[in-house]
Amino acid sequence: MSFRVLASDALDPKCLAAMRDAGLDVDEKTDLSPEQLETEIAVYDAIVIRSATKVRSNIIDAGTNLKLVVRAGVGLDNVDVAYAEEKGIAVRNTPAASSDSVAELALAHIFSLARHIGRGTASMKAGKWEKKQLKGIEIAGKTLGIVGIGRIGQSLARKAAALGMKILCTDAYLTESPIPELAPMVTQDELLAQSDFISLHIPFDPEIGPSISTPQFEGMKDGAYLVNCARGGVVDETALVAALDSGKVTGAALDVFEQEPVAQDHPLFSREAVSLTPHIGASTFEAQARVGKEAAEIVIDFARANA
């Protein structure tokens, strides 16, 4: 089968092996600059990416043989989807494969905020013993508001409910909760006002901008905690810093940021009540194995259907 595939971001080795075993011609080039990708993409029928590679209009235009873009992961913000589809290029992702891993990270950040795990680790490594300063809270009995009750939000709801949290949800695309017995649907204003912890699981729309900015912070319950393991840009980081400094928000946890990698002088780094990770929501061995398997199946099925 003469079908050339470029893997431009690191994938699970079994993903590459599966495509090659199916007779596809697969190249793994994970260190291409945007300029190099634009030059090399022309010979490929498909490209498989994660979050690092950006498939913008220039790449799409240069991909004169390109028929398929597969995002091995959930978000498609690094792909100009509408433009690709306008050019007849199919765009696929693997939305279910990493749901539990992202939900577990969100839950881990909730624990980190509640019990100051990150600050405790850093202070002890600095030779401090801040036992009295690090009094925390229990999450059992607290209200968790989930903004976006898709696969990840539902997974988080089940895990948090098992730990004794009360769950509320809101979703811009749904009128009813898919798990009403566990997470009743409320308006976003009600969720912000009632939740002790707020976890975001929504896409970023550059035409709308941040979903959580000054008005939303003002509508939050005093002393709330915010968790964002969704997409950078969903939270207005300048407004978040102001909300932390004013005490409106007690703590915040972010796995994703407006600009990645994050600049070392980012003001969040100097605030103690934060828990930060470098966009690792789907970075578990289990999730990447599932993501790779699903991505390979998408490419193989597409190649066979278009042989």
C-alpha atoms as a PDB file:
ATOM      1  CA  MET A   1       0.000   0.000   0.000  1.00  0.00           C
ATOM      2  CA  SER A   2       1.599   3.263  -1.127  1.00  0.00           C
ATOM      3  CA  PHE A   3       0.436   5.583   1.638  1.00  0.00           C
ATOM      4  CA  ARG A   4       3.022   7.821   3.290  1.00  0.00           C
ATOM      5  CA  VAL A   5       2.561   8.939   6.902  1.00  0.00           C
ATOM      6  CA  LEU A   6       4.558  11.529   8.828  1.00  0.00           C
ATOM      7  CA  ALA A   7       4.657  11.291  12.618  1.00  0.00           C
ATOM      8  CA  SER A   8       5.899  14.767  13.545  1.00  0.00           C
ATOM      9  CA  ASP A   9       5.455  14.423  17.306  1.00  0.00           C
ATOM     10  CA  ALA A  10       6.516  11.590  19.601  1.00  0.00           C
ATOM     11  CA  LEU A  11       4.067   8.687  19.540  1.00  0.00           C
ATOM     12  CA  ASP A  12       3.843   5.386  21.363  1.00  0.00           C
ATOM     13  CA  PRO A  13       6.162   2.946  19.514  1.00  0.00           C
ATOM     14  CA  LYS A  14       3.300   0.476  19.114  1.00  0.00           C
ATOM     15  CA  CYS A  15       1.395   3.108  17.111  1.00  0.00           C
ATOM     16  CA  LEU A  16       4.226   3.378  14.608  1.00  0.00           C
ATOM     17  CA  ALA A  17       4.654  -0.395  14.486  1.00  0.00           C
ATOM     18  CA  ALA A  18       0.943  -0.967  13.856  1.00  0.00           C
ATOM     19  CA  MET A  19       0.909   1.395  10.884  1.00  0.00           C
ATOM     20  CA  ARG A  20       4.053  -0.153   9.422  1.00  0.00           C
ATOM     21  CA  ASP A  21       2.687  -3.668   9.943  1.00  0.00           C
ATOM     22  CA  ALA A  22      -0.376  -2.590   7.965  1.00  0.00           C
ATOM     23  CA  GLY A  23       1.877  -1.769   5.024  1.00  0.00           C
ATOM     24  CA  LEU A  24       2.038   1.996   5.431  1.00  0.00           C
ATOM     25  CA  ASP A  25       5.243   3.936   4.784  1.00  0.00           C
ATOM     26  CA  VAL A  26       5.805   5.769   8.092  1.00  0.00           C
ATOM     27  CA  ASP A  27       8.474   8.381   8.833  1.00  0.00           C
ATOM     28  CA  GLU A  28       9.068   9.622  12.375  1.00  0.00           C
ATOM     29  CA  LYS A  29      10.499  13.150  12.359  1.00  0.00           C
ATOM     30  CA  THR A  30       9.894  14.826  15.691  1.00  0.00           C
ATOM     31  CA  ASP A  31      12.440  17.620  15.438  1.00  0.00           C
ATOM     32  CA  LEU A  32      11.206  19.460  12.348  1.00  0.00           C
ATOM     33  CA  SER A  33      11.004  23.226  12.540  1.00  0.00           C
ATOM     34  CA  PRO A  34       7.832  24.824  11.129  1.00  0.00           C
ATOM     35  CA  GLU A  35       9.820  25.815   8.066  1.00  0.00           C
ATOM     36  CA  GLN A  36      11.144  22.283   7.581  1.00  0.00           C
ATOM     37  CA  LEU A  37       7.667  20.825   7.995  1.00  0.00           C
ATOM     38  CA  GLU A  38       6.331  23.170   5.346  1.00  0.00           C
ATOM     39  CA  THR A  39       9.038  21.933   2.966  1.00  0.00           C
ATOM     40  CA  GLU A  40       8.667  18.216   3.700  1.00  0.00           C
ATOM     41  CA  ILE A  41       4.899  17.813   4.059  1.00  0.00           C
ATOM     42  CA  ALA A  42       4.281  17.697   0.291  1.00  0.00           C
ATOM     43  CA  VAL A  43       5.211  14.025  -0.083  1.00  0.00           C
ATOM     44  CA  TYR A  44       2.915  12.727   2.679  1.00  0.00           C
ATOM     45  CA  ASP A  45      -0.649  11.461   2.505  1.00  0.00           C
ATOM     46  CA  ALA A  46      -1.212  11.795   6.259  1.00  0.00           C
ATOM     47  CA  ILE A  47       0.328  13.473   9.280  1.00  0.00           C
ATOM     48  CA  VAL A  48      -0.066  12.350  12.893  1.00  0.00           C
ATOM     49  CA  ILE A  49       0.568  15.014  15.530  1.00  0.00           C
ATOM     50  CA  ARG A  50       0.201  15.665  19.240  1.00  0.00           C
ATOM     51  CA  SER A  51       0.176  19.177  20.692  1.00  0.00           C
ATOM     52  CA  ALA A  52       3.554  20.491  19.541  1.00  0.00           C
ATOM     53  CA  THR A  53       3.090  20.478  15.763  1.00  0.00           C
ATOM     54  CA  LYS A  54       0.917  23.267  14.361  1.00  0.00           C
ATOM     55  CA  VAL A  55      -0.960  22.463  11.172  1.00  0.00           C
ATOM     56  CA  ARG A  56      -1.859  25.940   9.983  1.00  0.00           C
ATOM     57  CA  SER A  57      -2.953  27.132   6.553  1.00  0.00           C
ATOM     58  CA  ASN A  58       0.606  27.344   5.214  1.00  0.00           C
ATOM     59  CA  ILE A  59       1.243  23.680   6.086  1.00  0.00           C
ATOM     60  CA  ILE A  60      -2.092  22.685   4.588  1.00  0.00           C
ATOM     61  CA  ASP A  61      -1.328  24.589   1.386  1.00  0.00           C
ATOM     62  CA  ALA A  62       2.112  22.965   1.208  1.00  0.00           C
ATOM     63  CA  GLY A  63       0.628  19.499   1.725  1.00  0.00           C
ATOM     64  CA  THR A  64      -0.270  18.950  -1.899  1.00  0.00           C
ATOM     65  CA  ASN A  65      -0.779  15.210  -1.316  1.00  0.00           C
ATOM     66  CA  LEU A  66      -2.179  15.548   2.199  1.00  0.00           C
ATOM     67  CA  LYS A  67      -5.458  13.748   2.785  1.00  0.00           C
ATOM     68  CA  LEU A  68      -5.593  13.215   6.550  1.00  0.00           C
ATOM     69  CA  VAL A  69      -4.532  14.992   9.733  1.00  0.00           C
ATOM     70  CA  VAL A  70      -4.764  12.964  12.937  1.00  0.00           C
ATOM     71  CA  ARG A  71      -4.392  14.661  16.298  1.00  0.00           C
ATOM     72  CA  ALA A  72      -3.303  11.984  18.762  1.00  0.00           C
ATOM     73  CA  GLY A  73      -5.191  13.598  21.624  1.00  0.00           C
ATOM     74  CA  VAL A  74      -8.305  15.625  22.291  1.00  0.00           C
ATOM     75  CA  GLY A  75      -7.863  19.281  21.408  1.00  0.00           C
ATOM     76  CA  LEU A  76      -7.714  20.490  17.818  1.00  0.00           C
ATOM     77  CA  ASP A  77      -6.633  24.043  18.568  1.00  0.00           C
ATOM     78  CA  ASN A  78      -3.278  23.406  16.857  1.00  0.00           C
ATOM     79  CA  VAL A  79      -5.018  22.514  13.578  1.00  0.00           C
ATOM     80  CA  ASP A  80      -6.848  24.898  11.247  1.00  0.00           C
ATOM     81  CA  VAL A  81      -9.707  22.423  10.979  1.00  0.00           C
ATOM     82  CA  ALA A  82     -12.116  24.453   8.842  1.00  0.00           C
ATOM     83  CA  TYR A  83      -9.407  25.356   6.335  1.00  0.00           C
ATOM     84  CA  ALA A  84      -8.208  21.751   6.093  1.00  0.00           C
ATOM     85  CA  GLU A  85     -11.717  20.444   5.511  1.00  0.00           C
ATOM     86  CA  GLU A  86     -12.325  23.190   2.949  1.00  0.00           C
ATOM     87  CA  LYS A  87      -9.301  21.783   1.083  1.00  0.00           C
ATOM     88  CA  GLY A  88     -10.748  18.264   1.261  1.00  0.00           C
ATOM     89  CA  ILE A  89      -8.435  17.091   4.023  1.00  0.00           C
ATOM     90  CA  ALA A  90     -10.004  14.961   6.760  1.00  0.00           C
ATOM     91  CA  VAL A  91      -9.208  15.883  10.376  1.00  0.00           C
ATOM     92  CA  ARG A  92      -9.553  13.331  13.167  1.00  0.00           C
ATOM     93  CA  ASN A  93      -8.683  13.140  16.860  1.00  0.00           C
ATOM     94  CA  THR A  94      -8.812  10.608  19.706  1.00  0.00           C
ATOM     95  CA  PRO A  95     -11.184  12.222  22.218  1.00  0.00           C
ATOM     96  CA  ALA A  96     -11.867   9.272  24.530  1.00  0.00           C
ATOM     97  CA  ALA A  97      -8.414   7.768  24.929  1.00  0.00           C
ATOM     98  CA  SER A  98      -6.995  10.170  27.540  1.00  0.00           C
ATOM     99  CA  SER A  99     -10.135  11.124  29.473  1.00  0.00           C
ATOM    100  CA  ASP A 100      -9.292   9.281  32.690  1.00  0.00           C
ATOM    101  CA  SER A 101      -5.715  10.560  32.737  1.00  0.00           C
ATOM    102  CA  VAL A 102      -6.815  14.195  32.429  1.00  0.00           C
ATOM    103  CA  ALA A 103      -9.545  13.701  35.026  1.00  0.00           C
ATOM    104  CA  GLU A 104      -7.041  12.146  37.432  1.00  0.00           C
ATOM    105  CA  LEU A 105      -4.673  15.088  36.994  1.00  0.00           C
ATOM    106  CA  ALA A 106      -7.498  17.539  37.724  1.00  0.00           C
ATOM    107  CA  LEU A 107      -8.305  15.562  40.864  1.00  0.00           C
ATOM    108  CA  ALA A 108      -4.627  15.515  41.840  1.00  0.00           C
ATOM    109  CA  HIS A 109      -4.539  19.310  41.518  1.00  0.00           C
ATOM    110  CA  ILE A 110      -7.618  19.555  43.739  1.00  0.00           C
ATOM    111  CA  PHE A 111      -5.783  17.560  46.408  1.00  0.00           C
ATOM    112  CA  SER A 112      -2.660  19.652  45.901  1.00  0.00           C
ATOM    113  CA  LEU A 113      -4.608  22.876  46.459  1.00  0.00           C
ATOM    114  CA  ALA A 114      -6.506  21.527  49.445  1.00  0.00           C
ATOM    115  CA  ARG A 115      -3.400  20.205  51.226  1.00  0.00           C
ATOM    116  CA  HIS A 116      -0.622  22.488  49.885  1.00  0.00           C
ATOM    117  CA  ILE A 117       1.343  19.552  48.479  1.00  0.00           C
ATOM    118  CA  GLY A 118       3.352  21.569  45.962  1.00  0.00           C
ATOM    119  CA  ARG A 119       4.197  24.337  48.429  1.00  0.00           C
ATOM    120  CA  GLY A 120       5.057  21.787  51.109  1.00  0.00           C
ATOM    121  CA  THR A 121       7.447  19.987  48.777  1.00  0.00           C
ATOM    122  CA  ALA A 122       9.152  23.206  47.682  1.00  0.00           C
ATOM    123  CA  SER A 123       9.467  24.600  51.200  1.00  0.00           C
ATOM    124  CA  MET A 124      10.933  21.397  52.635  1.00  0.00           C
ATOM    125  CA  LYS A 125      13.488  21.237  49.838  1.00  0.00           C
ATOM    126  CA  ALA A 126      14.369  24.817  50.769  1.00  0.00           C
ATOM    127  CA  GLY A 127      15.064  23.684  54.350  1.00  0.00           C
ATOM    128  CA  LYS A 128      11.811  24.978  55.876  1.00  0.00           C
ATOM    129  CA  TRP A 129       9.351  23.233  58.192  1.00  0.00           C
ATOM    130  CA  GLU A 130       6.064  25.080  57.613  1.00  0.00           C
ATOM    131  CA  LYS A 131       3.797  22.762  59.565  1.00  0.00           C
ATOM    132  CA  LYS A 132       1.608  25.517  61.038  1.00  0.00           C
ATOM    133  CA  GLN A 133       1.412  27.529  57.823  1.00  0.00           C
ATOM    134  CA  LEU A 134       0.186  24.621  55.703  1.00  0.00           C
ATOM    135  CA  LYS A 135      -3.119  23.859  57.373  1.00  0.00           C
ATOM    136  CA  GLY A 136      -5.436  22.628  54.655  1.00  0.00           C
ATOM    137  CA  ILE A 137      -9.034  21.622  54.081  1.00  0.00           C
ATOM    138  CA  GLU A 138     -10.864  18.378  53.416  1.00  0.00           C
ATOM    139  CA  ILE A 139     -12.459  17.981  50.015  1.00  0.00           C
ATOM    140  CA  ALA A 140     -15.212  15.686  51.305  1.00  0.00           C
ATOM    141  CA  GLY A 141     -18.395  17.720  51.626  1.00  0.00           C
ATOM    142  CA  LYS A 142     -17.126  20.472  49.346  1.00  0.00           C
ATOM    143  CA  THR A 143     -18.896  21.426  46.114  1.00  0.00           C
ATOM    144  CA  LEU A 144     -17.077  20.822  42.849  1.00  0.00           C
ATOM    145  CA  GLY A 145     -18.368  22.754  39.865  1.00  0.00           C
ATOM    146  CA  ILE A 146     -17.437  21.188  36.531  1.00  0.00           C
ATOM    147  CA  VAL A 147     -17.564  23.507  33.530  1.00  0.00           C
ATOM    148  CA  GLY A 148     -17.908  21.203  30.522  1.00  0.00           C
ATOM    149  CA  ILE A 149     -19.469  17.822  31.281  1.00  0.00           C
ATOM    150  CA  GLY A 150     -18.076  15.822  28.370  1.00  0.00           C
ATOM    151  CA  ARG A 151     -16.021  12.646  28.725  1.00  0.00           C
ATOM    152  CA  ILE A 152     -13.364  14.186  30.974  1.00  0.00           C
ATOM    153  CA  GLY A 153     -15.862  16.121  33.067  1.00  0.00           C
ATOM    154  CA  GLN A 154     -17.959  13.000  33.610  1.00  0.00           C
ATOM    155  CA  SER A 155     -14.891  10.982  34.597  1.00  0.00           C
ATOM    156  CA  LEU A 156     -13.876  13.657  37.105  1.00  0.00           C
ATOM    157  CA  ALA A 157     -17.424  13.827  38.484  1.00  0.00           C
ATOM    158  CA  ARG A 158     -17.480  10.099  39.217  1.00  0.00           C
ATOM    159  CA  LYS A 159     -14.074  10.161  40.906  1.00  0.00           C
ATOM    160  CA  ALA A 160     -14.815  13.254  42.984  1.00  0.00           C
ATOM    161  CA  ALA A 161     -18.263  12.015  44.021  1.00  0.00           C
ATOM    162  CA  ALA A 162     -16.668   8.792  45.276  1.00  0.00           C
ATOM    163  CA  LEU A 163     -14.551  10.976  47.574  1.00  0.00           C
ATOM    164  CA  GLY A 164     -17.593  12.683  49.036  1.00  0.00           C
ATOM    165  CA  MET A 165     -17.745  15.847  46.970  1.00  0.00           C
ATOM    166  CA  LYS A 166     -21.043  17.364  45.837  1.00  0.00           C
ATOM    167  CA  ILE A 167     -21.021  17.898  42.064  1.00  0.00           C
ATOM    168  CA  LEU A 168     -22.600  20.608  39.918  1.00  0.00           C
ATOM    169  CA  CYS A 169     -22.087  21.022  36.191  1.00  0.00           C
ATOM    170  CA  THR A 170     -22.700  23.468  33.396  1.00  0.00           C
ATOM    171  CA  ASP A 171     -22.128  23.138  29.671  1.00  0.00           C
ATOM    172  CA  ALA A 172     -22.558  25.652  26.857  1.00  0.00           C
ATOM    173  CA  TYR A 173     -23.481  22.881  24.416  1.00  0.00           C
ATOM    174  CA  LEU A 174     -25.922  20.853  26.533  1.00  0.00           C
ATOM    175  CA  THR A 175     -29.264  21.628  28.134  1.00  0.00           C
ATOM    176  CA  GLU A 176     -29.332  18.517  30.322  1.00  0.00           C
ATOM    177  CA  SER A 177     -26.636  16.744  32.301  1.00  0.00           C
ATOM    178  CA  PRO A 178     -25.612  13.339  30.914  1.00  0.00           C
ATOM    179  CA  ILE A 179     -25.289  12.149  34.537  1.00  0.00           C
ATOM    180  CA  PRO A 180     -28.059  14.094  36.326  1.00  0.00           C
ATOM    181  CA  GLU A 181     -28.144  11.762  39.324  1.00  0.00           C
ATOM    182  CA  LEU A 182     -24.503  12.601  40.012  1.00  0.00           C
ATOM    183  CA  ALA A 183     -23.970  16.063  38.532  1.00  0.00           C
ATOM    184  CA  PRO A 184     -27.113  18.188  38.159  1.00  0.00           C
ATOM    185  CA  MET A 185     -27.009  20.905  35.517  1.00  0.00           C
ATOM    186  CA  VAL A 186     -27.101  24.534  36.658  1.00  0.00           C
ATOM    187  CA  THR A 187     -26.353  27.840  34.983  1.00  0.00           C
ATOM    188  CA  GLN A 188     -22.757  28.987  34.909  1.00  0.00           C
ATOM    189  CA  ASP A 189     -23.584  31.869  37.258  1.00  0.00           C
ATOM    190  CA  GLU A 190     -25.109  29.444  39.766  1.00  0.00           C
ATOM    191  CA  LEU A 191     -22.124  27.127  39.497  1.00  0.00           C
ATOM    192  CA  LEU A 192     -19.618  29.921  40.068  1.00  0.00           C
ATOM    193  CA  ALA A 193     -21.520  31.233  43.076  1.00  0.00           C
ATOM    194  CA  GLN A 194     -21.963  27.844  44.755  1.00  0.00           C
ATOM    195  CA  SER A 195     -18.747  25.931  44.059  1.00  0.00           C
ATOM    196  CA  ASP A 196     -15.783  25.593  46.402  1.00  0.00           C
ATOM    197  CA  PHE A 197     -13.706  24.115  43.582  1.00  0.00           C
ATOM    198  CA  ILE A 198     -14.224  24.858  39.874  1.00  0.00           C
ATOM    199  CA  SER A 199     -12.683  22.600  37.249  1.00  0.00           C
ATOM    200  CA  LEU A 200     -12.656  23.583  33.578  1.00  0.00           C
ATOM    201  CA  HIS A 201     -13.041  21.046  30.765  1.00  0.00           C
ATOM    202  CA  ILE A 202     -13.921  23.188  27.772  1.00  0.00           C
ATOM    203  CA  PRO A 203     -12.288  24.142  24.452  1.00  0.00           C
ATOM    204  CA  PHE A 204     -10.691  27.496  23.768  1.00  0.00           C
ATOM    205  CA  ASP A 205     -12.345  29.602  21.088  1.00  0.00           C
ATOM    206  CA  PRO A 206      -9.996  32.387  19.926  1.00  0.00           C
ATOM    207  CA  GLU A 207     -12.975  34.328  18.563  1.00  0.00           C
ATOM    208  CA  ILE A 208     -14.523  34.447  22.045  1.00  0.00           C
ATOM    209  CA  GLY A 209     -11.377  34.656  24.144  1.00  0.00           C
ATOM    210  CA  PRO A 210     -11.108  33.593  27.796  1.00  0.00           C
ATOM    211  CA  SER A 211     -14.164  31.900  29.294  1.00  0.00           C
ATOM    212  CA  ILE A 212     -13.031  32.813  32.808  1.00  0.00           C
ATOM    213  CA  SER A 213     -12.038  36.450  33.263  1.00  0.00           C
ATOM    214  CA  THR A 214     -12.782  39.306  35.658  1.00  0.00           C
ATOM    215  CA  PRO A 215     -16.619  39.063  35.541  1.00  0.00           C
ATOM    216  CA  GLN A 216     -16.512  35.317  36.207  1.00  0.00           C
ATOM    217  CA  PHE A 217     -14.033  35.723  39.055  1.00  0.00           C
ATOM    218  CA  GLU A 218     -16.289  38.370  40.573  1.00  0.00           C
ATOM    219  CA  GLY A 219     -19.190  35.924  40.392  1.00  0.00           C
ATOM    220  CA  MET A 220     -17.332  33.166  42.230  1.00  0.00           C
ATOM    221  CA  LYS A 221     -17.890  32.171  45.805  1.00  0.00           C
ATOM    222  CA  ASP A 222     -15.400  33.968  48.035  1.00  0.00           C
ATOM    223  CA  GLY A 223     -12.333  31.799  48.578  1.00  0.00           C
ATOM    224  CA  ALA A 224     -12.978  29.438  45.663  1.00  0.00           C
ATOM    225  CA  TYR A 225     -10.288  27.301  44.027  1.00  0.00           C
ATOM    226  CA  LEU A 226      -9.873  27.147  40.229  1.00  0.00           C
ATOM    227  CA  VAL A 227      -8.460  24.201  38.233  1.00  0.00           C
ATOM    228  CA  ASN A 228      -7.702  24.371  34.501  1.00  0.00           C
ATOM    229  CA  CYS A 229      -6.592  21.162  32.793  1.00  0.00           C
ATOM    230  CA  ALA A 230      -8.449  22.084  29.608  1.00  0.00           C
ATOM    231  CA  ARG A 231      -6.782  24.534  27.233  1.00  0.00           C
ATOM    232  CA  GLY A 232      -4.521  27.529  27.573  1.00  0.00           C
ATOM    233  CA  GLY A 233      -6.393  30.758  26.960  1.00  0.00           C
ATOM    234  CA  VAL A 234      -9.575  29.519  28.643  1.00  0.00           C
ATOM    235  CA  VAL A 235      -8.501  31.455  31.740  1.00  0.00           C
ATOM    236  CA  ASP A 236      -7.464  35.109  31.622  1.00  0.00           C
ATOM    237  CA  GLU A 237      -4.203  34.732  33.542  1.00  0.00           C
ATOM    238  CA  THR A 238      -3.899  38.442  34.343  1.00  0.00           C
ATOM    239  CA  ALA A 239      -7.372  38.398  35.864  1.00  0.00           C
ATOM    240  CA  LEU A 240      -6.483  35.205  37.751  1.00  0.00           C
ATOM    241  CA  VAL A 241      -3.421  36.808  39.332  1.00  0.00           C
ATOM    242  CA  ALA A 242      -5.592  39.754  40.416  1.00  0.00           C
ATOM    243  CA  ALA A 243      -8.193  37.390  41.883  1.00  0.00           C
ATOM    244  CA  LEU A 244      -5.485  35.539  43.822  1.00  0.00           C
ATOM    245  CA  ASP A 245      -3.961  38.768  45.107  1.00  0.00           C
ATOM    246  CA  SER A 246      -7.335  40.097  46.239  1.00  0.00           C
ATOM    247  CA  GLY A 247      -8.195  36.859  48.041  1.00  0.00           C
ATOM    248  CA  LYS A 248     -11.292  36.291  45.918  1.00  0.00           C
ATOM    249  CA  VAL A 249      -9.663  33.057  44.741  1.00  0.00           C
ATOM    250  CA  THR A 250      -7.808  31.126  47.437  1.00  0.00           C
ATOM    251  CA  GLY A 251      -5.821  28.944  45.077  1.00  0.00           C
ATOM    252  CA  ALA A 252      -5.450  27.954  41.438  1.00  0.00           C
ATOM    253  CA  ALA A 253      -4.078  24.971  39.558  1.00  0.00           C
ATOM    254  CA  LEU A 254      -3.088  25.065  35.901  1.00  0.00           C
ATOM    255  CA  ASP A 255      -1.786  22.426  33.530  1.00  0.00           C
ATOM    256  CA  VAL A 256      -2.229  24.639  30.457  1.00  0.00           C
ATOM    257  CA  PHE A 257      -1.261  28.229  29.762  1.00  0.00           C
ATOM    258  CA  GLU A 258      -1.824  31.100  27.343  1.00  0.00           C
ATOM    259  CA  GLN A 259       1.762  30.768  26.110  1.00  0.00           C
ATOM    260  CA  GLU A 260       3.682  27.490  26.303  1.00  0.00           C
ATOM    261  CA  PRO A 261       6.378  26.994  27.436  1.00  0.00           C
ATOM    262  CA  VAL A 262       5.691  29.509  30.191  1.00  0.00           C
ATOM    263  CA  ALA A 263       8.106  32.391  30.668  1.00  0.00           C
ATOM    264  CA  GLN A 264      10.142  32.131  33.861  1.00  0.00           C
ATOM    265  CA  ASP A 265       8.988  35.585  34.990  1.00  0.00           C
ATOM    266  CA  HIS A 266       5.290  34.640  34.814  1.00  0.00           C
ATOM    267  CA  PRO A 267       3.563  36.242  37.830  1.00  0.00           C
ATOM    268  CA  LEU A 268       1.894  32.968  38.814  1.00  0.00           C
ATOM    269  CA  PHE A 269       5.318  31.567  39.697  1.00  0.00           C
ATOM    270  CA  SER A 270       5.655  34.032  42.569  1.00  0.00           C
ATOM    271  CA  ARG A 271       2.248  33.204  44.085  1.00  0.00           C
ATOM    272  CA  GLU A 272       2.292  30.498  46.739  1.00  0.00           C
ATOM    273  CA  ALA A 273      -1.289  29.286  46.430  1.00  0.00           C
ATOM    274  CA  VAL A 274      -0.848  27.689  43.023  1.00  0.00           C
ATOM    275  CA  SER A 275      -0.290  24.181  41.705  1.00  0.00           C
ATOM    276  CA  LEU A 276       1.354  23.996  38.283  1.00  0.00           C
ATOM    277  CA  THR A 277       2.204  21.258  35.790  1.00  0.00           C
ATOM    278  CA  PRO A 278       3.619  21.575  32.233  1.00  0.00           C
ATOM    279  CA  HIS A 279       0.668  20.395  30.091  1.00  0.00           C
ATOM    280  CA  ILE A 280       0.840  16.745  31.184  1.00  0.00           C
ATOM    281  CA  GLY A 281      -2.882  15.942  31.330  1.00  0.00           C
ATOM    282  CA  ALA A 282      -2.643  13.080  28.832  1.00  0.00           C
ATOM    283  CA  SER A 283       0.947  12.184  29.657  1.00  0.00           C
ATOM    284  CA  THR A 284       0.506   8.766  31.224  1.00  0.00           C
ATOM    285  CA  PHE A 285       1.787   5.496  29.810  1.00  0.00           C
ATOM    286  CA  GLU A 286      -1.757   4.129  29.715  1.00  0.00           C
ATOM    287  CA  ALA A 287      -3.286   7.132  27.967  1.00  0.00           C
ATOM    288  CA  GLN A 288      -0.536   7.370  25.382  1.00  0.00           C
ATOM    289  CA  ALA A 289      -0.866   3.681  24.594  1.00  0.00           C
ATOM    290  CA  ARG A 290      -4.616   4.132  24.041  1.00  0.00           C
ATOM    291  CA  VAL A 291      -4.097   7.334  22.075  1.00  0.00           C
ATOM    292  CA  GLY A 292      -1.485   5.689  19.866  1.00  0.00           C
ATOM    293  CA  LYS A 293      -3.637   2.630  19.253  1.00  0.00           C
ATOM    294  CA  GLU A 294      -6.636   4.743  18.264  1.00  0.00           C
ATOM    295  CA  ALA A 295      -4.554   7.068  16.072  1.00  0.00           C
ATOM    296  CA  ALA A 296      -3.024   4.109  14.241  1.00  0.00           C
ATOM    297  CA  GLU A 297      -6.440   2.566  13.658  1.00  0.00           C
ATOM    298  CA  ILE A 298      -7.738   5.853  12.227  1.00  0.00           C
ATOM    299  CA  VAL A 299      -4.843   6.118   9.769  1.00  0.00           C
ATOM    300  CA  ILE A 300      -4.971   2.442   8.749  1.00  0.00           C
ATOM    301  CA  ASP A 301      -8.748   2.472   8.196  1.00  0.00           C
ATOM    302  CA  PHE A 302      -8.504   5.704   6.199  1.00  0.00           C
ATOM    303  CA  ALA A 303      -5.674   4.399   4.041  1.00  0.00           C
ATOM    304  CA  ARG A 304      -7.542   1.187   3.271  1.00  0.00           C
ATOM    305  CA  ALA A 305     -10.760   3.039   2.489  1.00  0.00           C
ATOM    306  CA  ASN A 306      -8.920   5.361   0.106  1.00  0.00           C
ATOM    307  CA  ALA A 307      -6.596   2.819  -1.488  1.00  0.00           C
END
